[in-house]
């Protein structure tokens, strides 16, 4: 019997239209149906969430998390959502081949379709193995020693962004956030340390024993363009400081999941180019899946 948390294509088409209107951005019903047709099993089997950011006109994205190993790149090529000779996709294939229990996640833009593919590596994996995967270019491998110096040796996820031709590494930090730790981490992207109020939010809402930290690199040059600090599963009814756009998103984006999951990530680029990303669970028992993956959550809630 279908539960409220199960994925419904017809309901999703209504909800994405309402969420795009809420954020004041466009969406393509035709592209959304094309995505749902291509990845029908994945949406039904996986967990689904919404994504956006606090920039004016920031895109509405949605994502599915898979529960079993599936070659989502092959599906994208077969559906015409991705070119067959994508160098960026080849990098994801190399990472997916590392471990037998890796699973893939896909991000879709409400207008453009597929924009990003992630790989959950099946657990915390050593940096040496991740950078040594087939197809990882020297432009990315050359950061190995710098990552190690910062204590970034444990990788949870990797990803590629087809729109920006970038790769992402998602680390589990060995400790909670402190002023010194934040300053050291932000040197990677030449980002500015945030104001005191923002920093206090970051400390209050990130997991105290180690959080998710992302590094975004330009694949062609290896330049580190951004870093991100994640607060996953905010405590119920509590949020860090966000602008009106994200407040409306958290308040109004539909969620049919058994347990609500709201998250933010503070993203820092060079010359003060910072913004906040936001995620909200939609359906498919996302929190339960995050527990299975031992994701560092601000509010882990009950245990299985």
C-alpha atoms as a PDB file:
ATOM      1  CA  UNK A   1       0.000   0.000   0.000  1.00  0.00           C
ATOM      2  CA  UNK A   2       1.332   3.435  -0.927  1.00  0.00           C
ATOM      3  CA  UNK A   3       2.191   5.738   1.991  1.00  0.00           C
ATOM      4  CA  UNK A   4       2.305   9.548   2.027  1.00  0.00           C
ATOM      5  CA  UNK A   5       6.113   9.370   1.915  1.00  0.00           C
ATOM      6  CA  UNK A   6       6.167   7.354  -1.318  1.00  0.00           C
ATOM      7  CA  UNK A   7       6.929   9.171  -4.550  1.00  0.00           C
ATOM      8  CA  UNK A   8       3.989  10.188  -6.754  1.00  0.00           C
ATOM      9  CA  UNK A   9       4.838  11.647 -10.201  1.00  0.00           C
ATOM     10  CA  UNK A  10       1.533  13.489 -10.539  1.00  0.00           C
ATOM     11  CA  UNK A  11       1.875  15.027  -7.076  1.00  0.00           C
ATOM     12  CA  UNK A  12       5.484  15.981  -7.771  1.00  0.00           C
ATOM     13  CA  UNK A  13       4.503  17.810 -10.973  1.00  0.00           C
ATOM     14  CA  UNK A  14       2.005  19.867  -8.979  1.00  0.00           C
ATOM     15  CA  UNK A  15       4.471  20.476  -6.157  1.00  0.00           C
ATOM     16  CA  UNK A  16       7.357  21.577  -8.370  1.00  0.00           C
ATOM     17  CA  UNK A  17       5.089  24.116 -10.058  1.00  0.00           C
ATOM     18  CA  UNK A  18       4.036  25.486  -6.662  1.00  0.00           C
ATOM     19  CA  UNK A  19       7.605  25.574  -5.333  1.00  0.00           C
ATOM     20  CA  UNK A  20       8.931  27.360  -8.426  1.00  0.00           C
ATOM     21  CA  UNK A  21       6.163  29.949  -8.023  1.00  0.00           C
ATOM     22  CA  UNK A  22       7.041  30.323  -4.339  1.00  0.00           C
ATOM     23  CA  UNK A  23      10.659  31.130  -5.266  1.00  0.00           C
ATOM     24  CA  UNK A  24       9.772  33.234  -8.295  1.00  0.00           C
ATOM     25  CA  UNK A  25      11.731  31.082 -10.758  1.00  0.00           C
ATOM     26  CA  UNK A  26      10.843  29.246 -13.936  1.00  0.00           C
ATOM     27  CA  UNK A  27      10.369  25.546 -14.452  1.00  0.00           C
ATOM     28  CA  UNK A  28       9.812  23.280 -17.418  1.00  0.00           C
ATOM     29  CA  UNK A  29       6.991  20.728 -17.050  1.00  0.00           C
ATOM     30  CA  UNK A  30       8.185  19.006 -20.229  1.00  0.00           C
ATOM     31  CA  UNK A  31      11.757  18.607 -18.917  1.00  0.00           C
ATOM     32  CA  UNK A  32      10.489  17.444 -15.530  1.00  0.00           C
ATOM     33  CA  UNK A  33       8.338  14.744 -17.146  1.00  0.00           C
ATOM     34  CA  UNK A  34      11.316  13.694 -19.264  1.00  0.00           C
ATOM     35  CA  UNK A  35      13.453  13.331 -16.133  1.00  0.00           C
ATOM     36  CA  UNK A  36      10.746  11.403 -14.287  1.00  0.00           C
ATOM     37  CA  UNK A  37      10.303   9.040 -17.238  1.00  0.00           C
ATOM     38  CA  UNK A  38      14.056   8.383 -17.477  1.00  0.00           C
ATOM     39  CA  UNK A  39      14.575   7.829 -13.746  1.00  0.00           C
ATOM     40  CA  UNK A  40      11.166   6.465 -12.760  1.00  0.00           C
ATOM     41  CA  UNK A  41      12.493   3.545 -10.692  1.00  0.00           C
ATOM     42  CA  UNK A  42      15.093   5.722  -8.971  1.00  0.00           C
ATOM     43  CA  UNK A  43      12.556   8.286  -7.786  1.00  0.00           C
ATOM     44  CA  UNK A  44      10.235   5.563  -6.484  1.00  0.00           C
ATOM     45  CA  UNK A  45      13.000   3.602  -4.749  1.00  0.00           C
ATOM     46  CA  UNK A  46      15.075   6.523  -3.474  1.00  0.00           C
ATOM     47  CA  UNK A  47      14.623   9.575  -1.271  1.00  0.00           C
ATOM     48  CA  UNK A  48      13.910  12.970  -2.824  1.00  0.00           C
ATOM     49  CA  UNK A  49      14.639  16.538  -1.716  1.00  0.00           C
ATOM     50  CA  UNK A  50      14.420  20.148  -2.901  1.00  0.00           C
ATOM     51  CA  UNK A  51      17.423  22.488  -3.208  1.00  0.00           C
ATOM     52  CA  UNK A  52      17.892  26.226  -3.761  1.00  0.00           C
ATOM     53  CA  UNK A  53      20.049  29.118  -2.509  1.00  0.00           C
ATOM     54  CA  UNK A  54      19.656  32.623  -1.169  1.00  0.00           C
ATOM     55  CA  UNK A  55      20.666  34.387  -4.393  1.00  0.00           C
ATOM     56  CA  UNK A  56      17.938  36.426  -6.136  1.00  0.00           C
ATOM     57  CA  UNK A  57      16.489  34.130  -8.784  1.00  0.00           C
ATOM     58  CA  UNK A  58      18.501  31.150  -7.524  1.00  0.00           C
ATOM     59  CA  UNK A  59      17.454  27.989  -9.346  1.00  0.00           C
ATOM     60  CA  UNK A  60      15.128  25.367  -7.927  1.00  0.00           C
ATOM     61  CA  UNK A  61      16.765  21.937  -7.984  1.00  0.00           C
ATOM     62  CA  UNK A  62      15.588  18.515  -6.907  1.00  0.00           C
ATOM     63  CA  UNK A  63      17.570  15.370  -6.140  1.00  0.00           C
ATOM     64  CA  UNK A  64      17.060  11.676  -5.661  1.00  0.00           C
ATOM     65  CA  UNK A  65      19.230   9.521  -3.405  1.00  0.00           C
ATOM     66  CA  UNK A  66      19.525   5.929  -4.606  1.00  0.00           C
ATOM     67  CA  UNK A  67      19.515   2.970  -2.255  1.00  0.00           C
ATOM     68  CA  UNK A  68      21.205   0.469  -4.580  1.00  0.00           C
ATOM     69  CA  UNK A  69      24.074   0.691  -7.097  1.00  0.00           C
ATOM     70  CA  UNK A  70      22.738   2.012 -10.414  1.00  0.00           C
ATOM     71  CA  UNK A  71      24.583   3.478 -13.403  1.00  0.00           C
ATOM     72  CA  UNK A  72      22.730   6.779 -13.567  1.00  0.00           C
ATOM     73  CA  UNK A  73      25.143   8.159 -16.176  1.00  0.00           C
ATOM     74  CA  UNK A  74      24.133   5.411 -18.608  1.00  0.00           C
ATOM     75  CA  UNK A  75      20.480   6.242 -17.999  1.00  0.00           C
ATOM     76  CA  UNK A  76      21.163   9.936 -18.681  1.00  0.00           C
ATOM     77  CA  UNK A  77      22.970   9.202 -21.954  1.00  0.00           C
ATOM     78  CA  UNK A  78      20.241   6.818 -23.092  1.00  0.00           C
ATOM     79  CA  UNK A  79      17.591   9.473 -22.352  1.00  0.00           C
ATOM     80  CA  UNK A  80      19.526  12.219 -24.136  1.00  0.00           C
ATOM     81  CA  UNK A  81      20.034  14.172 -20.892  1.00  0.00           C
ATOM     82  CA  UNK A  82      23.812  13.899 -21.188  1.00  0.00           C
ATOM     83  CA  UNK A  83      26.212  13.629 -24.120  1.00  0.00           C
ATOM     84  CA  UNK A  84      27.868  10.229 -24.683  1.00  0.00           C
ATOM     85  CA  UNK A  85      31.417  11.646 -24.641  1.00  0.00           C
ATOM     86  CA  UNK A  86      31.263  13.745 -21.500  1.00  0.00           C
ATOM     87  CA  UNK A  87      34.672  13.961 -19.828  1.00  0.00           C
ATOM     88  CA  UNK A  88      32.937  15.048 -16.643  1.00  0.00           C
ATOM     89  CA  UNK A  89      30.738  11.943 -16.662  1.00  0.00           C
ATOM     90  CA  UNK A  90      33.813   9.760 -17.188  1.00  0.00           C
ATOM     91  CA  UNK A  91      35.210  11.080 -13.905  1.00  0.00           C
ATOM     92  CA  UNK A  92      32.055  10.005 -12.067  1.00  0.00           C
ATOM     93  CA  UNK A  93      32.269   6.562 -13.659  1.00  0.00           C
ATOM     94  CA  UNK A  94      35.821   6.203 -12.331  1.00  0.00           C
ATOM     95  CA  UNK A  95      34.744   7.057  -8.817  1.00  0.00           C
ATOM     96  CA  UNK A  96      31.711   4.768  -8.987  1.00  0.00           C
ATOM     97  CA  UNK A  97      33.949   1.849  -9.952  1.00  0.00           C
ATOM     98  CA  UNK A  98      36.041   2.090  -6.772  1.00  0.00           C
ATOM     99  CA  UNK A  99      33.728   0.285  -4.366  1.00  0.00           C
ATOM    100  CA  UNK A 100      31.023  -2.295  -4.913  1.00  0.00           C
ATOM    101  CA  UNK A 101      28.573  -0.585  -2.559  1.00  0.00           C
ATOM    102  CA  UNK A 102      28.756   2.895  -4.080  1.00  0.00           C
ATOM    103  CA  UNK A 103      25.433   4.501  -4.967  1.00  0.00           C
ATOM    104  CA  UNK A 104      24.682   7.505  -7.145  1.00  0.00           C
ATOM    105  CA  UNK A 105      22.570  10.607  -6.583  1.00  0.00           C
ATOM    106  CA  UNK A 106      21.397  13.030  -9.251  1.00  0.00           C
ATOM    107  CA  UNK A 107      20.561  16.732  -9.100  1.00  0.00           C
ATOM    108  CA  UNK A 108      18.158  18.226 -11.613  1.00  0.00           C
ATOM    109  CA  UNK A 109      17.437  21.843 -12.442  1.00  0.00           C
ATOM    110  CA  UNK A 110      13.701  22.568 -12.648  1.00  0.00           C
ATOM    111  CA  UNK A 111      14.259  24.048 -16.118  1.00  0.00           C
ATOM    112  CA  UNK A 112      17.375  22.407 -17.581  1.00  0.00           C
ATOM    113  CA  UNK A 113      17.208  18.856 -16.286  1.00  0.00           C
ATOM    114  CA  UNK A 114      20.290  16.922 -15.157  1.00  0.00           C
ATOM    115  CA  UNK A 115      23.007  19.198 -13.739  1.00  0.00           C
ATOM    116  CA  UNK A 116      24.985  17.103 -11.251  1.00  0.00           C
ATOM    117  CA  UNK A 117      25.825  13.508 -10.376  1.00  0.00           C
ATOM    118  CA  UNK A 118      27.038  12.438  -6.951  1.00  0.00           C
ATOM    119  CA  UNK A 119      28.537   9.200  -5.676  1.00  0.00           C
ATOM    120  CA  UNK A 120      28.056   8.026  -2.114  1.00  0.00           C
ATOM    121  CA  UNK A 121      31.150   5.897  -1.648  1.00  0.00           C
ATOM    122  CA  UNK A 122      29.512   3.395   0.690  1.00  0.00           C
ATOM    123  CA  UNK A 123      31.104   4.878   3.807  1.00  0.00           C
ATOM    124  CA  UNK A 124      34.067   7.012   4.831  1.00  0.00           C
ATOM    125  CA  UNK A 125      36.869   6.387   2.338  1.00  0.00           C
ATOM    126  CA  UNK A 126      40.591   7.317   2.426  1.00  0.00           C
ATOM    127  CA  UNK A 127      41.604  10.367   0.425  1.00  0.00           C
ATOM    128  CA  UNK A 128      44.460   8.393  -1.186  1.00  0.00           C
ATOM    129  CA  UNK A 129      42.040   5.908  -2.741  1.00  0.00           C
ATOM    130  CA  UNK A 130      39.584   8.550  -3.911  1.00  0.00           C
ATOM    131  CA  UNK A 131      42.257  10.648  -5.631  1.00  0.00           C
ATOM    132  CA  UNK A 132      43.792   7.480  -7.068  1.00  0.00           C
ATOM    133  CA  UNK A 133      40.605   6.419  -8.849  1.00  0.00           C
ATOM    134  CA  UNK A 134      40.709   5.863 -12.633  1.00  0.00           C
ATOM    135  CA  UNK A 135      40.264   9.080 -14.573  1.00  0.00           C
ATOM    136  CA  UNK A 136      41.004  11.528 -11.758  1.00  0.00           C
ATOM    137  CA  UNK A 137      43.132  14.219 -13.445  1.00  0.00           C
ATOM    138  CA  UNK A 138      46.414  15.507 -12.063  1.00  0.00           C
ATOM    139  CA  UNK A 139      44.785  18.917 -11.685  1.00  0.00           C
ATOM    140  CA  UNK A 140      42.788  17.456  -8.783  1.00  0.00           C
ATOM    141  CA  UNK A 141      45.385  14.993  -7.483  1.00  0.00           C
ATOM    142  CA  UNK A 142      47.936  17.745  -6.934  1.00  0.00           C
ATOM    143  CA  UNK A 143      45.944  18.994  -3.919  1.00  0.00           C
ATOM    144  CA  UNK A 144      46.583  15.757  -2.030  1.00  0.00           C
ATOM    145  CA  UNK A 145      49.241  17.083   0.347  1.00  0.00           C
ATOM    146  CA  UNK A 146      47.327  20.282   1.051  1.00  0.00           C
ATOM    147  CA  UNK A 147      44.194  18.363   1.960  1.00  0.00           C
ATOM    148  CA  UNK A 148      46.176  16.123   4.287  1.00  0.00           C
ATOM    149  CA  UNK A 149      47.788  19.118   6.014  1.00  0.00           C
ATOM    150  CA  UNK A 150      44.290  20.374   6.844  1.00  0.00           C
ATOM    151  CA  UNK A 151      43.186  16.997   8.188  1.00  0.00           C
ATOM    152  CA  UNK A 152      40.915  16.382   5.196  1.00  0.00           C
ATOM    153  CA  UNK A 153      41.612  12.688   4.724  1.00  0.00           C
ATOM    154  CA  UNK A 154      38.138  11.115   4.998  1.00  0.00           C
ATOM    155  CA  UNK A 155      35.843  11.400   1.970  1.00  0.00           C
ATOM    156  CA  UNK A 156      32.099  10.678   2.119  1.00  0.00           C
ATOM    157  CA  UNK A 157      30.861  11.723  -1.330  1.00  0.00           C
ATOM    158  CA  UNK A 158      32.223  12.964  -4.633  1.00  0.00           C
ATOM    159  CA  UNK A 159      30.320  14.746  -7.393  1.00  0.00           C
ATOM    160  CA  UNK A 160      30.586  16.477 -10.754  1.00  0.00           C
ATOM    161  CA  UNK A 161      28.671  19.501 -12.013  1.00  0.00           C
ATOM    162  CA  UNK A 162      27.989  19.287 -15.760  1.00  0.00           C
ATOM    163  CA  UNK A 163      26.950  22.916 -16.043  1.00  0.00           C
ATOM    164  CA  UNK A 164      30.112  24.361 -14.496  1.00  0.00           C
ATOM    165  CA  UNK A 165      32.612  21.586 -15.358  1.00  0.00           C
ATOM    166  CA  UNK A 166      33.608  21.237 -11.719  1.00  0.00           C
ATOM    167  CA  UNK A 167      34.236  18.363  -9.322  1.00  0.00           C
ATOM    168  CA  UNK A 168      33.331  18.225  -5.645  1.00  0.00           C
ATOM    169  CA  UNK A 169      34.889  16.339  -2.761  1.00  0.00           C
ATOM    170  CA  UNK A 170      32.806  16.023   0.419  1.00  0.00           C
ATOM    171  CA  UNK A 171      34.924  15.386   3.517  1.00  0.00           C
ATOM    172  CA  UNK A 172      34.012  14.413   7.054  1.00  0.00           C
ATOM    173  CA  UNK A 173      36.075  16.757   9.236  1.00  0.00           C
ATOM    174  CA  UNK A 174      37.834  15.228  12.240  1.00  0.00           C
ATOM    175  CA  UNK A 175      36.495  17.838  14.684  1.00  0.00           C
ATOM    176  CA  UNK A 176      33.805  20.415  15.239  1.00  0.00           C
ATOM    177  CA  UNK A 177      34.024  23.986  14.031  1.00  0.00           C
ATOM    178  CA  UNK A 178      36.230  26.544  15.785  1.00  0.00           C
ATOM    179  CA  UNK A 179      37.521  29.972  14.702  1.00  0.00           C
ATOM    180  CA  UNK A 180      40.942  28.541  13.958  1.00  0.00           C
ATOM    181  CA  UNK A 181      39.544  25.554  12.052  1.00  0.00           C
ATOM    182  CA  UNK A 182      37.229  27.768   9.973  1.00  0.00           C
ATOM    183  CA  UNK A 183      40.041  30.141   9.068  1.00  0.00           C
ATOM    184  CA  UNK A 184      42.284  27.273   7.951  1.00  0.00           C
ATOM    185  CA  UNK A 185      39.565  25.633   5.879  1.00  0.00           C
ATOM    186  CA  UNK A 186      38.547  28.863   4.142  1.00  0.00           C
ATOM    187  CA  UNK A 187      42.108  29.475   2.955  1.00  0.00           C
ATOM    188  CA  UNK A 188      41.474  26.764   0.347  1.00  0.00           C
ATOM    189  CA  UNK A 189      39.125  29.038  -1.600  1.00  0.00           C
ATOM    190  CA  UNK A 190      40.600  32.341  -0.414  1.00  0.00           C
ATOM    191  CA  UNK A 191      37.263  32.989   1.257  1.00  0.00           C
ATOM    192  CA  UNK A 192      36.701  35.565   3.963  1.00  0.00           C
ATOM    193  CA  UNK A 193      35.919  34.518   7.510  1.00  0.00           C
ATOM    194  CA  UNK A 194      32.216  35.287   8.102  1.00  0.00           C
ATOM    195  CA  UNK A 195      30.928  37.895  10.522  1.00  0.00           C
ATOM    196  CA  UNK A 196      30.565  36.900  14.163  1.00  0.00           C
ATOM    197  CA  UNK A 197      26.800  36.285  14.032  1.00  0.00           C
ATOM    198  CA  UNK A 198      27.115  33.994  11.009  1.00  0.00           C
ATOM    199  CA  UNK A 199      30.024  32.143  12.561  1.00  0.00           C
ATOM    200  CA  UNK A 200      28.071  31.574  15.776  1.00  0.00           C
ATOM    201  CA  UNK A 201      25.241  30.132  13.672  1.00  0.00           C
ATOM    202  CA  UNK A 202      27.704  27.819  11.967  1.00  0.00           C
ATOM    203  CA  UNK A 203      29.016  26.565  15.307  1.00  0.00           C
ATOM    204  CA  UNK A 204      25.524  26.164  16.735  1.00  0.00           C
ATOM    205  CA  UNK A 205      24.084  24.221  13.807  1.00  0.00           C
ATOM    206  CA  UNK A 206      26.965  22.022  12.601  1.00  0.00           C
ATOM    207  CA  UNK A 207      27.546  18.634  14.177  1.00  0.00           C
ATOM    208  CA  UNK A 208      29.906  19.129  17.157  1.00  0.00           C
ATOM    209  CA  UNK A 209      32.118  16.106  16.517  1.00  0.00           C
ATOM    210  CA  UNK A 210      32.817  16.746  12.823  1.00  0.00           C
ATOM    211  CA  UNK A 211      30.785  18.065   9.918  1.00  0.00           C
ATOM    212  CA  UNK A 212      30.546  17.723   6.155  1.00  0.00           C
ATOM    213  CA  UNK A 213      32.960  20.037   4.321  1.00  0.00           C
ATOM    214  CA  UNK A 214      32.946  20.390   0.532  1.00  0.00           C
ATOM    215  CA  UNK A 215      35.621  21.519  -1.891  1.00  0.00           C
ATOM    216  CA  UNK A 216      34.683  22.562  -5.444  1.00  0.00           C
ATOM    217  CA  UNK A 217      37.456  22.392  -8.060  1.00  0.00           C
ATOM    218  CA  UNK A 218      37.570  23.417 -11.695  1.00  0.00           C
ATOM    219  CA  UNK A 219      38.386  20.145 -13.480  1.00  0.00           C
ATOM    220  CA  UNK A 220      40.454  21.694 -16.274  1.00  0.00           C
ATOM    221  CA  UNK A 221      42.744  23.751 -14.024  1.00  0.00           C
ATOM    222  CA  UNK A 222      42.366  22.331 -10.510  1.00  0.00           C
ATOM    223  CA  UNK A 223      41.552  25.770  -9.139  1.00  0.00           C
ATOM    224  CA  UNK A 224      39.597  25.551  -5.900  1.00  0.00           C
ATOM    225  CA  UNK A 225      36.622  27.800  -6.505  1.00  0.00           C
ATOM    226  CA  UNK A 226      34.477  27.297  -3.417  1.00  0.00           C
ATOM    227  CA  UNK A 227      34.287  25.488  -0.114  1.00  0.00           C
ATOM    228  CA  UNK A 228      31.170  24.714   1.897  1.00  0.00           C
ATOM    229  CA  UNK A 229      30.308  23.952   5.513  1.00  0.00           C
ATOM    230  CA  UNK A 230      27.139  21.885   5.993  1.00  0.00           C
ATOM    231  CA  UNK A 231      24.541  21.751   8.740  1.00  0.00           C
ATOM    232  CA  UNK A 232      22.430  18.679   7.988  1.00  0.00           C
ATOM    233  CA  UNK A 233      19.030  18.121   9.592  1.00  0.00           C
ATOM    234  CA  UNK A 234      18.439  21.293  11.540  1.00  0.00           C
ATOM    235  CA  UNK A 235      16.573  20.869  14.852  1.00  0.00           C
ATOM    236  CA  UNK A 236      12.803  21.038  14.379  1.00  0.00           C
ATOM    237  CA  UNK A 237      11.589  24.627  14.274  1.00  0.00           C
ATOM    238  CA  UNK A 238      15.085  26.111  14.547  1.00  0.00           C
ATOM    239  CA  UNK A 239      17.023  27.794  11.759  1.00  0.00           C
ATOM    240  CA  UNK A 240      20.180  29.835  11.410  1.00  0.00           C
ATOM    241  CA  UNK A 241      19.882  33.352  10.037  1.00  0.00           C
ATOM    242  CA  UNK A 242      18.628  33.152   6.446  1.00  0.00           C
ATOM    243  CA  UNK A 243      17.165  35.753   4.127  1.00  0.00           C
ATOM    244  CA  UNK A 244      13.478  36.055   3.275  1.00  0.00           C
ATOM    245  CA  UNK A 245      13.863  33.843   0.211  1.00  0.00           C
ATOM    246  CA  UNK A 246      15.133  30.853   2.188  1.00  0.00           C
ATOM    247  CA  UNK A 247      12.716  31.492   5.037  1.00  0.00           C
ATOM    248  CA  UNK A 248       9.868  31.225   2.514  1.00  0.00           C
ATOM    249  CA  UNK A 249      11.437  28.074   1.045  1.00  0.00           C
ATOM    250  CA  UNK A 250      11.644  26.304   4.403  1.00  0.00           C
ATOM    251  CA  UNK A 251       8.159  27.436   5.308  1.00  0.00           C
ATOM    252  CA  UNK A 252       6.416  26.662   2.044  1.00  0.00           C
ATOM    253  CA  UNK A 253       8.201  24.006  -0.041  1.00  0.00           C
ATOM    254  CA  UNK A 254       6.034  20.849   0.223  1.00  0.00           C
ATOM    255  CA  UNK A 255       7.373  17.935   2.251  1.00  0.00           C
ATOM    256  CA  UNK A 256       5.580  14.580   2.504  1.00  0.00           C
ATOM    257  CA  UNK A 257       8.326  12.719   4.327  1.00  0.00           C
ATOM    258  CA  UNK A 258       7.929  10.798   7.576  1.00  0.00           C
ATOM    259  CA  UNK A 259      10.615  12.909   9.257  1.00  0.00           C
ATOM    260  CA  UNK A 260      11.406  16.433   8.142  1.00  0.00           C
ATOM    261  CA  UNK A 261      14.949  17.240   7.103  1.00  0.00           C
ATOM    262  CA  UNK A 262      16.005  20.855   6.578  1.00  0.00           C
ATOM    263  CA  UNK A 263      19.647  21.708   5.918  1.00  0.00           C
ATOM    264  CA  UNK A 264      21.860  24.654   5.057  1.00  0.00           C
ATOM    265  CA  UNK A 265      25.383  25.024   3.725  1.00  0.00           C
ATOM    266  CA  UNK A 266      27.474  28.149   3.934  1.00  0.00           C
ATOM    267  CA  UNK A 267      29.473  28.479   0.708  1.00  0.00           C
ATOM    268  CA  UNK A 268      32.631  30.597   0.503  1.00  0.00           C
ATOM    269  CA  UNK A 269      34.465  31.689  -2.632  1.00  0.00           C
ATOM    270  CA  UNK A 270      37.245  34.151  -3.365  1.00  0.00           C
ATOM    271  CA  UNK A 271      36.887  37.887  -2.733  1.00  0.00           C
ATOM    272  CA  UNK A 272      33.931  37.541  -0.377  1.00  0.00           C
ATOM    273  CA  UNK A 273      31.760  35.597  -2.818  1.00  0.00           C
ATOM    274  CA  UNK A 274      29.640  33.762  -0.258  1.00  0.00           C
ATOM    275  CA  UNK A 275      26.053  32.543  -0.219  1.00  0.00           C
ATOM    276  CA  UNK A 276      23.821  30.046   1.582  1.00  0.00           C
ATOM    277  CA  UNK A 277      22.394  26.867   0.085  1.00  0.00           C
ATOM    278  CA  UNK A 278      19.266  25.220   1.438  1.00  0.00           C
ATOM    279  CA  UNK A 279      17.799  21.721   1.227  1.00  0.00           C
ATOM    280  CA  UNK A 280      14.438  20.327   2.318  1.00  0.00           C
ATOM    281  CA  UNK A 281      13.239  16.728   2.321  1.00  0.00           C
ATOM    282  CA  UNK A 282      10.374  15.878  -0.012  1.00  0.00           C
ATOM    283  CA  UNK A 283       9.657  12.153   0.293  1.00  0.00           C
ATOM    284  CA  UNK A 284      11.197   8.693   0.494  1.00  0.00           C
ATOM    285  CA  UNK A 285      12.372   8.555   4.139  1.00  0.00           C
ATOM    286  CA  UNK A 286      15.458  10.691   3.663  1.00  0.00           C
ATOM    287  CA  UNK A 287      16.366  10.942   7.344  1.00  0.00           C
ATOM    288  CA  UNK A 288      16.368   7.154   7.699  1.00  0.00           C
ATOM    289  CA  UNK A 289      18.711   6.905   4.721  1.00  0.00           C
ATOM    290  CA  UNK A 290      21.049   9.530   6.190  1.00  0.00           C
ATOM    291  CA  UNK A 291      21.165   7.530   9.406  1.00  0.00           C
ATOM    292  CA  UNK A 292      22.109   4.413   7.454  1.00  0.00           C
ATOM    293  CA  UNK A 293      24.940   6.395   5.868  1.00  0.00           C
ATOM    294  CA  UNK A 294      26.037   7.795   9.270  1.00  0.00           C
ATOM    295  CA  UNK A 295      25.761  11.342   7.948  1.00  0.00           C
ATOM    296  CA  UNK A 296      26.850  13.985  10.497  1.00  0.00           C
ATOM    297  CA  UNK A 297      23.550  15.623  11.442  1.00  0.00           C
ATOM    298  CA  UNK A 298      22.932  18.574  13.747  1.00  0.00           C
ATOM    299  CA  UNK A 299      19.879  16.794  15.171  1.00  0.00           C
ATOM    300  CA  UNK A 300      20.306  13.037  14.665  1.00  0.00           C
ATOM    301  CA  UNK A 301      17.004  12.325  16.403  1.00  0.00           C
ATOM    302  CA  UNK A 302      16.038   8.784  17.257  1.00  0.00           C
ATOM    303  CA  UNK A 303      18.229   5.865  16.278  1.00  0.00           C
ATOM    304  CA  UNK A 304      17.029   2.782  14.399  1.00  0.00           C
END
